[in-house]
Amino acid sequence: KEARELMGIQPGDTLILLGDAERGLAIPPKSSFDHIFK
């Protein structure tokens, strides 16, 4: 809950899961990639 509140994650939000065998996992919000998608 504390992480969801800090990051503004709401039910129904889409997150992206990025994985790197050496660096681990990252879960940024999809909106952080909007400009890249465009």
PDB file of all heavy atoms in Angstrom:
ATOM      1  N   LYS A   1       0.825  -1.210   0.000  1.00  0.00           N
ATOM      2  CA  LYS A   1       0.000   0.000   0.000  1.00  0.00           C
ATOM      3  C   LYS A   1       0.858   1.258   0.000  1.00  0.00           C
ATOM      4  O   LYS A   1       0.586   2.199  -0.735  1.00  0.00           O
ATOM      5  CB  LYS A   1      -0.923  -0.007   1.217  1.00  0.00           C
ATOM      6  CG  LYS A   1      -1.807   1.222   1.307  1.00  0.00           C
ATOM      7  CD  LYS A   1      -2.675   1.181   2.548  1.00  0.00           C
ATOM      8  CE  LYS A   1      -3.498   2.458   2.633  1.00  0.00           C
ATOM      9  NZ  LYS A   1      -4.264   2.535   3.862  1.00  0.00           N
ATOM     10  N   GLU A   2       1.894   1.285   0.825  1.00  0.00           N
ATOM     11  CA  GLU A   2       2.741   2.468   0.915  1.00  0.00           C
ATOM     12  C   GLU A   2       3.395   2.780  -0.432  1.00  0.00           C
ATOM     13  O   GLU A   2       3.497   3.934  -0.833  1.00  0.00           O
ATOM     14  CB  GLU A   2       3.826   2.275   1.983  1.00  0.00           C
ATOM     15  CG  GLU A   2       3.278   2.114   3.380  1.00  0.00           C
ATOM     16  CD  GLU A   2       2.963   0.668   3.750  1.00  0.00           C
ATOM     17  OE1 GLU A   2       2.950  -0.233   2.861  1.00  0.00           O
ATOM     18  OE2 GLU A   2       2.710   0.422   4.939  1.00  0.00           O
ATOM     19  N   ALA A   3       3.829   1.745  -1.145  1.00  0.00           N
ATOM     20  CA  ALA A   3       4.448   1.936  -2.462  1.00  0.00           C
ATOM     21  C   ALA A   3       3.415   2.411  -3.478  1.00  0.00           C
ATOM     22  O   ALA A   3       3.688   3.298  -4.292  1.00  0.00           O
ATOM     23  CB  ALA A   3       5.107   0.643  -2.929  1.00  0.00           C
ATOM     24  N   ARG A   4       2.210   1.821  -3.441  1.00  0.00           N
ATOM     25  CA  ARG A   4       1.147   2.261  -4.368  1.00  0.00           C
ATOM     26  C   ARG A   4       0.800   3.716  -4.141  1.00  0.00           C
ATOM     27  O   ARG A   4       0.622   4.480  -5.097  1.00  0.00           O
ATOM     28  CB  ARG A   4      -0.102   1.383  -4.202  1.00  0.00           C
ATOM     29  CG  ARG A   4       0.100  -0.057  -4.632  1.00  0.00           C
ATOM     30  CD  ARG A   4      -1.217  -0.833  -4.710  1.00  0.00           C
ATOM     31  NE  ARG A   4      -2.131  -0.624  -3.605  1.00  0.00           N
ATOM     32  CZ  ARG A   4      -2.203  -1.397  -2.522  1.00  0.00           C
ATOM     33  NH1 ARG A   4      -1.401  -2.439  -2.394  1.00  0.00           N
ATOM     34  NH2 ARG A   4      -3.084  -1.133  -1.574  1.00  0.00           N
ATOM     35  N   GLU A   5       0.670   4.108  -2.876  1.00  0.00           N
ATOM     36  CA  GLU A   5       0.340   5.500  -2.564  1.00  0.00           C
ATOM     37  C   GLU A   5       1.459   6.442  -3.005  1.00  0.00           C
ATOM     38  O   GLU A   5       1.202   7.489  -3.595  1.00  0.00           O
ATOM     39  CB  GLU A   5       0.070   5.660  -1.074  1.00  0.00           C
ATOM     40  CG  GLU A   5      -1.229   5.025  -0.640  1.00  0.00           C
ATOM     41  CD  GLU A   5      -1.466   5.073   0.862  1.00  0.00           C
ATOM     42  OE1 GLU A   5      -0.518   5.367   1.632  1.00  0.00           O
ATOM     43  OE2 GLU A   5      -2.613   4.805   1.271  1.00  0.00           O
ATOM     44  N   LEU A   6       2.708   6.066  -2.733  1.00  0.00           N
ATOM     45  CA  LEU A   6       3.849   6.888  -3.113  1.00  0.00           C
ATOM     46  C   LEU A   6       3.908   7.107  -4.623  1.00  0.00           C
ATOM     47  O   LEU A   6       4.153   8.212  -5.098  1.00  0.00           O
ATOM     48  CB  LEU A   6       5.154   6.219  -2.644  1.00  0.00           C
ATOM     49  CG  LEU A   6       6.455   6.892  -3.043  1.00  0.00           C
ATOM     50  CD1 LEU A   6       6.596   8.246  -2.350  1.00  0.00           C
ATOM     51  CD2 LEU A   6       7.630   5.999  -2.712  1.00  0.00           C
ATOM     52  N   MET A   7       3.637   6.046  -5.379  1.00  0.00           N
ATOM     53  CA  MET A   7       3.747   6.110  -6.838  1.00  0.00           C
ATOM     54  C   MET A   7       2.423   6.444  -7.530  1.00  0.00           C
ATOM     55  O   MET A   7       2.382   6.546  -8.753  1.00  0.00           O
ATOM     56  CB  MET A   7       4.277   4.775  -7.371  1.00  0.00           C
ATOM     57  CG  MET A   7       5.642   4.386  -6.804  1.00  0.00           C
ATOM     58  SD  MET A   7       6.910   5.674  -6.994  1.00  0.00           S
ATOM     59  CE  MET A   7       6.999   5.804  -8.759  1.00  0.00           C
ATOM     60  N   GLY A   8       1.354   6.605  -6.761  1.00  0.00           N
ATOM     61  CA  GLY A   8       0.057   6.942  -7.357  1.00  0.00           C
ATOM     62  C   GLY A   8      -0.528   5.813  -8.185  1.00  0.00           C
ATOM     63  O   GLY A   8      -1.251   6.054  -9.139  1.00  0.00           O
ATOM     64  N   ILE A   9      -0.223   4.581  -7.837  1.00  0.00           N
ATOM     65  CA  ILE A   9      -0.737   3.421  -8.575  1.00  0.00           C
ATOM     66  C   ILE A   9      -2.155   3.122  -8.115  1.00  0.00           C
ATOM     67  O   ILE A   9      -2.408   2.961  -6.935  1.00  0.00           O
ATOM     68  CB  ILE A   9       0.178   2.195  -8.366  1.00  0.00           C
ATOM     69  CG1 ILE A   9       1.582   2.489  -8.899  1.00  0.00           C
ATOM     70  CG2 ILE A   9      -0.420   0.956  -9.037  1.00  0.00           C
ATOM     71  CD1 ILE A   9       2.610   1.440  -8.523  1.00  0.00           C
ATOM     72  N   GLN A  10      -3.065   3.053  -9.083  1.00  0.00           N
ATOM     73  CA  GLN A  10      -4.478   2.825  -8.814  1.00  0.00           C
ATOM     74  C   GLN A  10      -4.925   1.504  -9.437  1.00  0.00           C
ATOM     75  O   GLN A  10      -4.310   1.034 -10.407  1.00  0.00           O
ATOM     76  CB  GLN A  10      -5.319   3.963  -9.424  1.00  0.00           C
ATOM     77  CG  GLN A  10      -4.997   5.331  -8.868  1.00  0.00           C
ATOM     78  CD  GLN A  10      -5.389   5.466  -7.412  1.00  0.00           C
ATOM     79  OE1 GLN A  10      -6.447   5.004  -7.008  1.00  0.00           O
ATOM     80  NE2 GLN A  10      -4.531   6.075  -6.620  1.00  0.00           N
ATOM     81  N   PRO A  11      -6.014   0.910  -8.925  1.00  0.00           N
ATOM     82  CA  PRO A  11      -6.546  -0.296  -9.562  1.00  0.00           C
ATOM     83  C   PRO A  11      -6.814  -0.041 -11.045  1.00  0.00           C
ATOM     84  O   PRO A  11      -7.325   1.011 -11.424  1.00  0.00           O
ATOM     85  CB  PRO A  11      -7.857  -0.555  -8.811  1.00  0.00           C
ATOM     86  CG  PRO A  11      -7.631   0.070  -7.466  1.00  0.00           C
ATOM     87  CD  PRO A  11      -6.791   1.301  -7.746  1.00  0.00           C
ATOM     88  N   GLY A  12      -6.431  -0.977 -11.884  1.00  0.00           N
ATOM     89  CA  GLY A  12      -6.630  -0.847 -13.326  1.00  0.00           C
ATOM     90  C   GLY A  12      -5.468  -0.199 -14.056  1.00  0.00           C
ATOM     91  O   GLY A  12      -5.429  -0.206 -15.282  1.00  0.00           O
ATOM     92  N   ASP A  13      -4.498   0.387 -13.328  1.00  0.00           N
ATOM     93  CA  ASP A  13      -3.327   0.970 -13.972  1.00  0.00           C
ATOM     94  C   ASP A  13      -2.524  -0.125 -14.667  1.00  0.00           C
ATOM     95  O   ASP A  13      -2.496  -1.273 -14.227  1.00  0.00           O
ATOM     96  CB  ASP A  13      -2.416   1.674 -12.962  1.00  0.00           C
ATOM     97  CG  ASP A  13      -2.955   3.020 -12.505  1.00  0.00           C
ATOM     98  OD1 ASP A  13      -3.992   3.472 -13.048  1.00  0.00           O
ATOM     99  OD2 ASP A  13      -2.333   3.612 -11.606  1.00  0.00           O
ATOM    100  N   THR A  14      -1.852   0.242 -15.741  1.00  0.00           N
ATOM    101  CA  THR A  14      -0.976  -0.675 -16.443  1.00  0.00           C
ATOM    102  C   THR A  14       0.461  -0.327 -16.101  1.00  0.00           C
ATOM    103  O   THR A  14       0.861   0.835 -16.190  1.00  0.00           O
ATOM    104  CB  THR A  14      -1.185  -0.569 -17.970  1.00  0.00           C
ATOM    105  OG1 THR A  14      -2.537  -0.898 -18.267  1.00  0.00           O
ATOM    106  CG2 THR A  14      -0.261  -1.506 -18.716  1.00  0.00           C
ATOM    107  N   LEU A  15       1.220  -1.328 -15.710  1.00  0.00           N
ATOM    108  CA  LEU A  15       2.635  -1.149 -15.412  1.00  0.00           C
ATOM    109  C   LEU A  15       3.435  -1.983 -16.402  1.00  0.00           C
ATOM    110  O   LEU A  15       2.930  -2.950 -16.966  1.00  0.00           O
ATOM    111  CB  LEU A  15       2.947  -1.613 -13.981  1.00  0.00           C
ATOM    112  CG  LEU A  15       2.118  -0.975 -12.872  1.00  0.00           C
ATOM    113  CD1 LEU A  15       2.463  -1.618 -11.530  1.00  0.00           C
ATOM    114  CD2 LEU A  15       2.352   0.516 -12.819  1.00  0.00           C
ATOM    115  N   ILE A  16       4.683  -1.606 -16.609  1.00  0.00           N
ATOM    116  CA  ILE A  16       5.572  -2.361 -17.482  1.00  0.00           C
ATOM    117  C   ILE A  16       6.588  -3.074 -16.600  1.00  0.00           C
ATOM    118  O   ILE A  16       7.143  -2.478 -15.675  1.00  0.00           O
ATOM    119  CB  ILE A  16       6.286  -1.414 -18.467  1.00  0.00           C
ATOM    120  CG1 ILE A  16       5.261  -0.757 -19.388  1.00  0.00           C
ATOM    121  CG2 ILE A  16       7.345  -2.156 -19.262  1.00  0.00           C
ATOM    122  CD1 ILE A  16       5.843   0.307 -20.287  1.00  0.00           C
ATOM    123  N   LEU A  17       6.837  -4.331 -16.883  1.00  0.00           N
ATOM    124  CA  LEU A  17       7.831  -5.092 -16.134  1.00  0.00           C
ATOM    125  C   LEU A  17       9.073  -5.230 -17.003  1.00  0.00           C
ATOM    126  O   LEU A  17       9.015  -5.773 -18.104  1.00  0.00           O
ATOM    127  CB  LEU A  17       7.287  -6.471 -15.763  1.00  0.00           C
ATOM    128  CG  LEU A  17       8.245  -7.376 -15.001  1.00  0.00           C
ATOM    129  CD1 LEU A  17       8.542  -6.782 -13.619  1.00  0.00           C
ATOM    130  CD2 LEU A  17       7.665  -8.764 -14.858  1.00  0.00           C
ATOM    131  N   LEU A  18      10.190  -4.688 -16.526  1.00  0.00           N
ATOM    132  CA  LEU A  18      11.457  -4.786 -17.233  1.00  0.00           C
ATOM    133  C   LEU A  18      12.366  -5.708 -16.432  1.00  0.00           C
ATOM    134  O   LEU A  18      12.456  -5.583 -15.209  1.00  0.00           O
ATOM    135  CB  LEU A  18      12.115  -3.407 -17.346  1.00  0.00           C
ATOM    136  CG  LEU A  18      11.282  -2.306 -18.015  1.00  0.00           C
ATOM    137  CD1 LEU A  18      11.989  -0.971 -17.888  1.00  0.00           C
ATOM    138  CD2 LEU A  18      11.034  -2.649 -19.470  1.00  0.00           C
ATOM    139  N   GLY A  19      13.043  -6.626 -17.095  1.00  0.00           N
ATOM    140  CA  GLY A  19      13.923  -7.552 -16.403  1.00  0.00           C
ATOM    141  C   GLY A  19      15.295  -7.608 -17.036  1.00  0.00           C
ATOM    142  O   GLY A  19      15.430  -7.573 -18.254  1.00  0.00           O
ATOM    143  N   ASP A  20      16.308  -7.671 -16.208  1.00  0.00           N
ATOM    144  CA  ASP A  20      17.688  -7.802 -16.644  1.00  0.00           C
ATOM    145  C   ASP A  20      18.342  -8.831 -15.727  1.00  0.00           C
ATOM    146  O   ASP A  20      18.287  -8.680 -14.500  1.00  0.00           O
ATOM    147  CB  ASP A  20      18.390  -6.449 -16.541  1.00  0.00           C
ATOM    148  CG  ASP A  20      19.825  -6.500 -17.015  1.00  0.00           C
ATOM    149  OD1 ASP A  20      20.679  -7.055 -16.297  1.00  0.00           O
ATOM    150  OD2 ASP A  20      20.105  -5.962 -18.108  1.00  0.00           O
ATOM    151  N   ALA A  21      18.946  -9.860 -16.295  1.00  0.00           N
ATOM    152  CA  ALA A  21      19.520 -10.937 -15.498  1.00  0.00           C
ATOM    153  C   ALA A  21      20.555 -10.434 -14.499  1.00  0.00           C
ATOM    154  O   ALA A  21      20.694 -11.004 -13.417  1.00  0.00           O
ATOM    155  CB  ALA A  21      20.145 -11.987 -16.413  1.00  0.00           C
ATOM    156  N   GLU A  22      21.260  -9.372 -14.821  1.00  0.00           N
ATOM    157  CA  GLU A  22      22.288  -8.857 -13.915  1.00  0.00           C
ATOM    158  C   GLU A  22      21.779  -7.752 -12.990  1.00  0.00           C
ATOM    159  O   GLU A  22      22.239  -7.628 -11.860  1.00  0.00           O
ATOM    160  CB  GLU A  22      23.477  -8.335 -14.720  1.00  0.00           C
ATOM    161  CG  GLU A  22      24.212  -9.443 -15.460  1.00  0.00           C
ATOM    162  CD  GLU A  22      25.387  -8.926 -16.251  1.00  0.00           C
ATOM    163  OE1 GLU A  22      25.836  -7.787 -16.008  1.00  0.00           O
ATOM    164  OE2 GLU A  22      25.856  -9.672 -17.133  1.00  0.00           O
ATOM    165  N   ARG A  23      20.837  -6.952 -13.460  1.00  0.00           N
ATOM    166  CA  ARG A  23      20.406  -5.780 -12.691  1.00  0.00           C
ATOM    167  C   ARG A  23      19.086  -5.975 -11.970  1.00  0.00           C
ATOM    168  O   ARG A  23      18.706  -5.158 -11.144  1.00  0.00           O
ATOM    169  CB  ARG A  23      20.335  -4.572 -13.614  1.00  0.00           C
ATOM    170  CG  ARG A  23      21.716  -4.252 -14.199  1.00  0.00           C
ATOM    171  CD  ARG A  23      21.677  -3.149 -15.193  1.00  0.00           C
ATOM    172  NE  ARG A  23      21.376  -1.894 -14.519  1.00  0.00           N
ATOM    173  CZ  ARG A  23      21.090  -0.769 -15.151  1.00  0.00           C
ATOM    174  NH1 ARG A  23      21.068  -0.738 -16.464  1.00  0.00           N
ATOM    175  NH2 ARG A  23      20.822   0.322 -14.486  1.00  0.00           N
ATOM    176  N   GLY A  24      18.328  -7.013 -12.303  1.00  0.00           N
ATOM    177  CA  GLY A  24      17.081  -7.272 -11.607  1.00  0.00           C
ATOM    178  C   GLY A  24      15.862  -6.770 -12.345  1.00  0.00           C
ATOM    179  O   GLY A  24      15.879  -6.591 -13.560  1.00  0.00           O
ATOM    180  N   LEU A  25      14.783  -6.517 -11.593  1.00  0.00           N
ATOM    181  CA  LEU A  25      13.499  -6.103 -12.151  1.00  0.00           C
ATOM    182  C   LEU A  25      13.221  -4.640 -11.857  1.00  0.00           C
ATOM    183  O   LEU A  25      13.611  -4.125 -10.813  1.00  0.00           O
ATOM    184  CB  LEU A  25      12.355  -6.937 -11.550  1.00  0.00           C
ATOM    185  CG  LEU A  25      12.372  -8.428 -11.823  1.00  0.00           C
ATOM    186  CD1 LEU A  25      11.266  -9.112 -11.032  1.00  0.00           C
ATOM    187  CD2 LEU A  25      12.210  -8.707 -13.304  1.00  0.00           C
ATOM    188  N   ALA A  26      12.497  -4.011 -12.768  1.00  0.00           N
ATOM    189  CA  ALA A  26      11.994  -2.659 -12.559  1.00  0.00           C
ATOM    190  C   ALA A  26      10.543  -2.658 -13.026  1.00  0.00           C
ATOM    191  O   ALA A  26      10.188  -3.337 -13.992  1.00  0.00           O
ATOM    192  CB  ALA A  26      12.799  -1.637 -13.350  1.00  0.00           C
ATOM    193  N   ILE A  27       9.706  -1.910 -12.327  1.00  0.00           N
ATOM    194  CA  ILE A  27       8.284  -1.853 -12.678  1.00  0.00           C
ATOM    195  C   ILE A  27       7.855  -0.392 -12.780  1.00  0.00           C
ATOM    196  O   ILE A  27       7.203   0.142 -11.895  1.00  0.00           O
ATOM    197  CB  ILE A  27       7.425  -2.606 -11.636  1.00  0.00           C
ATOM    198  CG1 ILE A  27       7.975  -4.012 -11.385  1.00  0.00           C
ATOM    199  CG2 ILE A  27       5.966  -2.680 -12.106  1.00  0.00           C
ATOM    200  CD1 ILE A  27       7.272  -4.768 -10.286  1.00  0.00           C
ATOM    201  N   PRO A  28       8.226   0.282 -13.865  1.00  0.00           N
ATOM    202  CA  PRO A  28       7.803   1.669 -14.030  1.00  0.00           C
ATOM    203  C   PRO A  28       6.364   1.741 -14.543  1.00  0.00           C
ATOM    204  O   PRO A  28       5.886   0.798 -15.177  1.00  0.00           O
ATOM    205  CB  PRO A  28       8.771   2.210 -15.090  1.00  0.00           C
ATOM    206  CG  PRO A  28       9.134   1.009 -15.885  1.00  0.00           C
ATOM    207  CD  PRO A  28       9.112  -0.153 -14.922  1.00  0.00           C
ATOM    208  N   PRO A  29       5.667   2.852 -14.278  1.00  0.00           N
ATOM    209  CA  PRO A  29       4.317   2.993 -14.832  1.00  0.00           C
ATOM    210  C   PRO A  29       4.391   3.145 -16.347  1.00  0.00           C
ATOM    211  O   PRO A  29       5.357   3.682 -16.888  1.00  0.00           O
ATOM    212  CB  PRO A  29       3.792   4.269 -14.171  1.00  0.00           C
ATOM    213  CG  PRO A  29       5.007   5.010 -13.741  1.00  0.00           C
ATOM    214  CD  PRO A  29       6.069   3.990 -13.484  1.00  0.00           C
ATOM    215  N   LYS A  30       3.392   2.644 -17.018  1.00  0.00           N
ATOM    216  CA  LYS A  30       3.339   2.724 -18.480  1.00  0.00           C
ATOM    217  C   LYS A  30       3.440   4.172 -18.949  1.00  0.00           C
ATOM    218  O   LYS A  30       4.061   4.457 -19.965  1.00  0.00           O
ATOM    219  CB  LYS A  30       2.043   2.077 -18.973  1.00  0.00           C
ATOM    220  CG  LYS A  30       1.916   1.977 -20.465  1.00  0.00           C
ATOM    221  CD  LYS A  30       0.634   1.260 -20.837  1.00  0.00           C
ATOM    222  CE  LYS A  30       0.403   1.269 -22.323  1.00  0.00           C
ATOM    223  NZ  LYS A  30      -0.900   0.709 -22.663  1.00  0.00           N
ATOM    224  N   SER A  31       2.878   5.085 -18.188  1.00  0.00           N
ATOM    225  CA  SER A  31       2.883   6.503 -18.600  1.00  0.00           C
ATOM    226  C   SER A  31       4.293   7.062 -18.718  1.00  0.00           C
ATOM    227  O   SER A  31       4.514   8.009 -19.469  1.00  0.00           O
ATOM    228  CB  SER A  31       2.070   7.341 -17.613  1.00  0.00           C
ATOM    229  OG  SER A  31       2.651   7.266 -16.318  1.00  0.00           O
ATOM    230  N   SER A  32       5.269   6.470 -18.017  1.00  0.00           N
ATOM    231  CA  SER A  32       6.630   6.981 -18.116  1.00  0.00           C
ATOM    232  C   SER A  32       7.248   6.681 -19.480  1.00  0.00           C
ATOM    233  O   SER A  32       8.296   7.224 -19.815  1.00  0.00           O
ATOM    234  CB  SER A  32       7.504   6.422 -16.992  1.00  0.00           C
ATOM    235  OG  SER A  32       7.686   5.038 -17.140  1.00  0.00           O
ATOM    236  N   PHE A  33       6.599   5.834 -20.268  1.00  0.00           N
ATOM    237  CA  PHE A  33       7.096   5.500 -21.598  1.00  0.00           C
ATOM    238  C   PHE A  33       6.266   6.114 -22.719  1.00  0.00           C
ATOM    239  O   PHE A  33       6.497   5.832 -23.889  1.00  0.00           O
ATOM    240  CB  PHE A  33       7.145   3.975 -21.767  1.00  0.00           C
ATOM    241  CG  PHE A  33       8.240   3.336 -20.968  1.00  0.00           C
ATOM    242  CD1 PHE A  33       8.021   2.960 -19.661  1.00  0.00           C
ATOM    243  CD2 PHE A  33       9.489   3.134 -21.523  1.00  0.00           C
ATOM    244  CE1 PHE A  33       9.034   2.379 -18.919  1.00  0.00           C
ATOM    245  CE2 PHE A  33      10.506   2.559 -20.784  1.00  0.00           C
ATOM    246  CZ  PHE A  33      10.282   2.183 -19.474  1.00  0.00           C
ATOM    247  N   ASP A  34       5.289   6.956 -22.394  1.00  0.00           N
ATOM    248  CA  ASP A  34       4.412   7.536 -23.404  1.00  0.00           C
ATOM    249  C   ASP A  34       5.188   8.192 -24.541  1.00  0.00           C
ATOM    250  O   ASP A  34       4.901   7.961 -25.712  1.00  0.00           O
ATOM    251  CB  ASP A  34       3.457   8.562 -22.790  1.00  0.00           C
ATOM    252  CG  ASP A  34       2.306   7.918 -22.048  1.00  0.00           C
ATOM    253  OD1 ASP A  34       2.138   6.684 -22.137  1.00  0.00           O
ATOM    254  OD2 ASP A  34       1.576   8.649 -21.356  1.00  0.00           O
ATOM    255  N   HIS A  35       6.159   9.022 -24.195  1.00  0.00           N
ATOM    256  CA  HIS A  35       6.900   9.731 -25.238  1.00  0.00           C
ATOM    257  C   HIS A  35       7.698   8.769 -26.121  1.00  0.00           C
ATOM    258  O   HIS A  35       7.820   8.970 -27.316  1.00  0.00           O
ATOM    259  CB  HIS A  35       7.810  10.794 -24.625  1.00  0.00           C
ATOM    260  CG  HIS A  35       8.939  10.241 -23.813  1.00  0.00           C
ATOM    261  ND1 HIS A  35       8.764   9.708 -22.552  1.00  0.00           N
ATOM    262  CD2 HIS A  35      10.257  10.114 -24.102  1.00  0.00           C
ATOM    263  CE1 HIS A  35       9.931   9.289 -22.100  1.00  0.00           C
ATOM    264  NE2 HIS A  35      10.854   9.513 -23.013  1.00  0.00           N
ATOM    265  N   ILE A  36       8.199   7.681 -25.548  1.00  0.00           N
ATOM    266  CA  ILE A  36       8.948   6.697 -26.331  1.00  0.00           C
ATOM    267  C   ILE A  36       8.009   5.961 -27.286  1.00  0.00           C
ATOM    268  O   ILE A  36       8.327   5.771 -28.460  1.00  0.00           O
ATOM    269  CB  ILE A  36       9.681   5.701 -25.405  1.00  0.00           C
ATOM    270  CG1 ILE A  36      10.754   6.441 -24.596  1.00  0.00           C
ATOM    271  CG2 ILE A  36      10.302   4.559 -26.206  1.00  0.00           C
ATOM    272  CD1 ILE A  36      11.386   5.624 -23.495  1.00  0.00           C
ATOM    273  N   PHE A  37       6.826   5.544 -26.795  1.00  0.00           N
ATOM    274  CA  PHE A  37       5.859   4.877 -27.656  1.00  0.00           C
ATOM    275  C   PHE A  37       5.488   5.773 -28.835  1.00  0.00           C
ATOM    276  O   PHE A  37       5.409   5.321 -29.968  1.00  0.00           O
ATOM    277  CB  PHE A  37       4.583   4.515 -26.886  1.00  0.00           C
ATOM    278  CG  PHE A  37       4.760   3.414 -25.872  1.00  0.00           C
ATOM    279  CD1 PHE A  37       4.139   3.506 -24.637  1.00  0.00           C
ATOM    280  CD2 PHE A  37       5.516   2.295 -26.139  1.00  0.00           C
ATOM    281  CE1 PHE A  37       4.285   2.501 -23.695  1.00  0.00           C
ATOM    282  CE2 PHE A  37       5.665   1.274 -25.207  1.00  0.00           C
ATOM    283  CZ  PHE A  37       5.044   1.386 -23.978  1.00  0.00           C
ATOM    284  N   LYS A  38       5.263   7.031 -28.557  1.00  0.00           N
ATOM    285  CA  LYS A  38       4.863   7.956 -29.621  1.00  0.00           C
ATOM    286  C   LYS A  38       5.970   8.130 -30.648  1.00  0.00           C
ATOM    287  O   LYS A  38       5.706   8.217 -31.845  1.00  0.00           O
ATOM    288  CB  LYS A  38       4.449   9.286 -29.022  1.00  0.00           C
ATOM    289  CG  LYS A  38       3.127   9.208 -28.282  1.00  0.00           C
ATOM    290  CD  LYS A  38       2.751  10.516 -27.623  1.00  0.00           C
ATOM    291  CE  LYS A  38       1.460  10.346 -26.842  1.00  0.00           C
ATOM    292  NZ  LYS A  38       1.103  11.557 -26.090  1.00  0.00           N
TER     293      LYS A  38
END
